[in-house]
Amino acid sequence: MRKIDVSKEPCSECGGRLERKHITQEFEHEGVKVKLSGIAALVCADCGDIYFQPGGADKVAAAANSLFDLAVVGKQHKRSLTAQISQPQ
């Protein structure tokens, strides 16, 4: 099976060039906000659309849901929760 380098594919929305970046995304659920930083993604240089490697979006959603669960259990709901993703260089 041939592995496809999606960063060389054009943006499906505008045809622009995709760039590898580390992004921050904020989520809100029932008044609780969580922020994930350092997420590896492909971002269109023209329109800003965000793409993840296969399975990446599911992992980001799972991380956000874990933080929401932590906020409810730990009664951290009066503040936003932040998670920083770091990888060895």
C-alpha atoms as a PDB file:
ATOM      1  CA  MET A   1       0.000   0.000   0.000  1.00  0.00           C
ATOM      2  CA  ARG A   2       1.379   3.415  -0.991  1.00  0.00           C
ATOM      3  CA  LYS A   3       1.542   6.086   1.701  1.00  0.00           C
ATOM      4  CA  ILE A   4       0.296   9.491   0.531  1.00  0.00           C
ATOM      5  CA  ASP A   5       1.950  12.688   1.780  1.00  0.00           C
ATOM      6  CA  VAL A   6      -1.160  14.801   2.344  1.00  0.00           C
ATOM      7  CA  SER A   7       0.927  17.948   2.804  1.00  0.00           C
ATOM      8  CA  LYS A   8       1.637  17.840  -0.939  1.00  0.00           C
ATOM      9  CA  GLU A   9      -2.066  17.704  -1.778  1.00  0.00           C
ATOM     10  CA  PRO A  10      -3.914  20.985  -2.440  1.00  0.00           C
ATOM     11  CA  CYS A  11      -6.588  22.351  -0.110  1.00  0.00           C
ATOM     12  CA  SER A  12      -9.920  20.719  -0.934  1.00  0.00           C
ATOM     13  CA  GLU A  13     -11.737  24.040  -0.390  1.00  0.00           C
ATOM     14  CA  CYS A  14      -9.683  26.511  -2.430  1.00  0.00           C
ATOM     15  CA  GLY A  15      -6.815  24.572  -4.016  1.00  0.00           C
ATOM     16  CA  GLY A  16      -4.229  26.442  -1.909  1.00  0.00           C
ATOM     17  CA  ARG A  17      -0.966  25.075  -0.509  1.00  0.00           C
ATOM     18  CA  LEU A  18      -1.056  23.186   2.802  1.00  0.00           C
ATOM     19  CA  GLU A  19       1.583  23.997   5.426  1.00  0.00           C
ATOM     20  CA  ARG A  20       2.572  21.900   8.434  1.00  0.00           C
ATOM     21  CA  LYS A  21       1.909  23.875  11.629  1.00  0.00           C
ATOM     22  CA  HIS A  22       1.248  23.442  15.315  1.00  0.00           C
ATOM     23  CA  ILE A  23      -2.090  24.993  16.134  1.00  0.00           C
ATOM     24  CA  THR A  24      -4.237  25.843  19.141  1.00  0.00           C
ATOM     25  CA  GLN A  25      -7.904  24.940  19.248  1.00  0.00           C
ATOM     26  CA  GLU A  26     -10.476  25.981  21.826  1.00  0.00           C
ATOM     27  CA  PHE A  27     -13.647  24.030  22.535  1.00  0.00           C
ATOM     28  CA  GLU A  28     -16.705  24.929  24.610  1.00  0.00           C
ATOM     29  CA  HIS A  29     -19.328  22.579  26.034  1.00  0.00           C
ATOM     30  CA  GLU A  30     -22.050  23.563  28.504  1.00  0.00           C
ATOM     31  CA  GLY A  31     -20.168  26.706  29.477  1.00  0.00           C
ATOM     32  CA  VAL A  32     -16.841  24.937  30.046  1.00  0.00           C
ATOM     33  CA  LYS A  33     -13.928  25.946  27.808  1.00  0.00           C
ATOM     34  CA  VAL A  34     -10.861  23.849  27.090  1.00  0.00           C
ATOM     35  CA  LYS A  35      -7.880  24.751  24.946  1.00  0.00           C
ATOM     36  CA  LEU A  36      -5.439  22.365  23.293  1.00  0.00           C
ATOM     37  CA  SER A  37      -2.139  23.814  22.072  1.00  0.00           C
ATOM     38  CA  GLY A  38       0.646  22.306  20.000  1.00  0.00           C
ATOM     39  CA  ILE A  39      -1.587  20.166  17.786  1.00  0.00           C
ATOM     40  CA  ALA A  40       0.153  19.050  14.584  1.00  0.00           C
ATOM     41  CA  ALA A  41      -1.993  19.955  11.578  1.00  0.00           C
ATOM     42  CA  LEU A  42      -1.923  21.015   7.965  1.00  0.00           C
ATOM     43  CA  VAL A  43      -3.258  24.533   7.422  1.00  0.00           C
ATOM     44  CA  CYS A  44      -4.145  26.049   4.066  1.00  0.00           C
ATOM     45  CA  ALA A  45      -1.958  29.089   3.422  1.00  0.00           C
ATOM     46  CA  ASP A  46      -4.800  30.760   1.498  1.00  0.00           C
ATOM     47  CA  CYS A  47      -8.114  30.052   3.250  1.00  0.00           C
ATOM     48  CA  GLY A  48      -6.940  28.758   6.661  1.00  0.00           C
ATOM     49  CA  ASP A  49      -8.781  25.430   6.503  1.00  0.00           C
ATOM     50  CA  ILE A  50      -7.328  22.911   8.957  1.00  0.00           C
ATOM     51  CA  TYR A  51      -6.544  19.279   8.128  1.00  0.00           C
ATOM     52  CA  PHE A  52      -5.323  16.474  10.373  1.00  0.00           C
ATOM     53  CA  GLN A  53      -3.523  13.274   9.505  1.00  0.00           C
ATOM     54  CA  PRO A  54      -5.900  10.262   9.375  1.00  0.00           C
ATOM     55  CA  GLY A  55      -7.271   9.651  12.876  1.00  0.00           C
ATOM     56  CA  GLY A  56      -5.941  12.976  14.157  1.00  0.00           C
ATOM     57  CA  ALA A  57      -9.319  14.685  14.472  1.00  0.00           C
ATOM     58  CA  ASP A  58     -10.633  11.773  16.558  1.00  0.00           C
ATOM     59  CA  LYS A  59      -7.635  12.036  18.899  1.00  0.00           C
ATOM     60  CA  VAL A  60      -8.097  15.801  19.311  1.00  0.00           C
ATOM     61  CA  ALA A  61     -11.799  15.276  20.089  1.00  0.00           C
ATOM     62  CA  ALA A  62     -10.946  12.545  22.620  1.00  0.00           C
ATOM     63  CA  ALA A  63      -8.420  14.829  24.347  1.00  0.00           C
ATOM     64  CA  ALA A  64     -10.955  17.667  24.529  1.00  0.00           C
ATOM     65  CA  ASN A  65     -13.619  15.321  25.892  1.00  0.00           C
ATOM     66  CA  SER A  66     -11.184  14.067  28.557  1.00  0.00           C
ATOM     67  CA  LEU A  67     -10.583  17.657  29.646  1.00  0.00           C
ATOM     68  CA  PHE A  68     -14.343  18.295  29.778  1.00  0.00           C
ATOM     69  CA  ASP A  69     -14.710  15.198  31.979  1.00  0.00           C
ATOM     70  CA  LEU A  70     -11.902  16.444  34.229  1.00  0.00           C
ATOM     71  CA  ALA A  71     -13.558  19.854  34.502  1.00  0.00           C
ATOM     72  CA  VAL A  72     -16.854  18.334  35.614  1.00  0.00           C
ATOM     73  CA  VAL A  73     -15.311  15.852  38.069  1.00  0.00           C
ATOM     74  CA  GLY A  74     -12.839  18.369  39.467  1.00  0.00           C
ATOM     75  CA  LYS A  75     -15.385  21.189  39.470  1.00  0.00           C
ATOM     76  CA  GLN A  76     -12.963  23.239  37.387  1.00  0.00           C
ATOM     77  CA  HIS A  77     -15.876  24.725  35.474  1.00  0.00           C
ATOM     78  CA  LYS A  78     -15.260  28.344  36.548  1.00  0.00           C
ATOM     79  CA  ARG A  79     -12.038  28.538  34.568  1.00  0.00           C
ATOM     80  CA  SER A  80     -10.887  27.279  31.234  1.00  0.00           C
ATOM     81  CA  LEU A  81      -8.596  24.253  31.070  1.00  0.00           C
ATOM     82  CA  THR A  82      -5.528  24.207  28.865  1.00  0.00           C
ATOM     83  CA  ALA A  83      -3.417  21.289  27.681  1.00  0.00           C
ATOM     84  CA  GLN A  84      -0.054  21.766  25.986  1.00  0.00           C
ATOM     85  CA  ILE A  85       1.165  19.056  23.635  1.00  0.00           C
ATOM     86  CA  SER A  86       4.972  18.819  23.547  1.00  0.00           C
ATOM     87  CA  GLN A  87       7.146  16.466  21.580  1.00  0.00           C
ATOM     88  CA  PRO A  88      10.891  15.903  21.841  1.00  0.00           C
ATOM     89  CA  GLN A  89      12.810  17.905  19.256  1.00  0.00           C
END
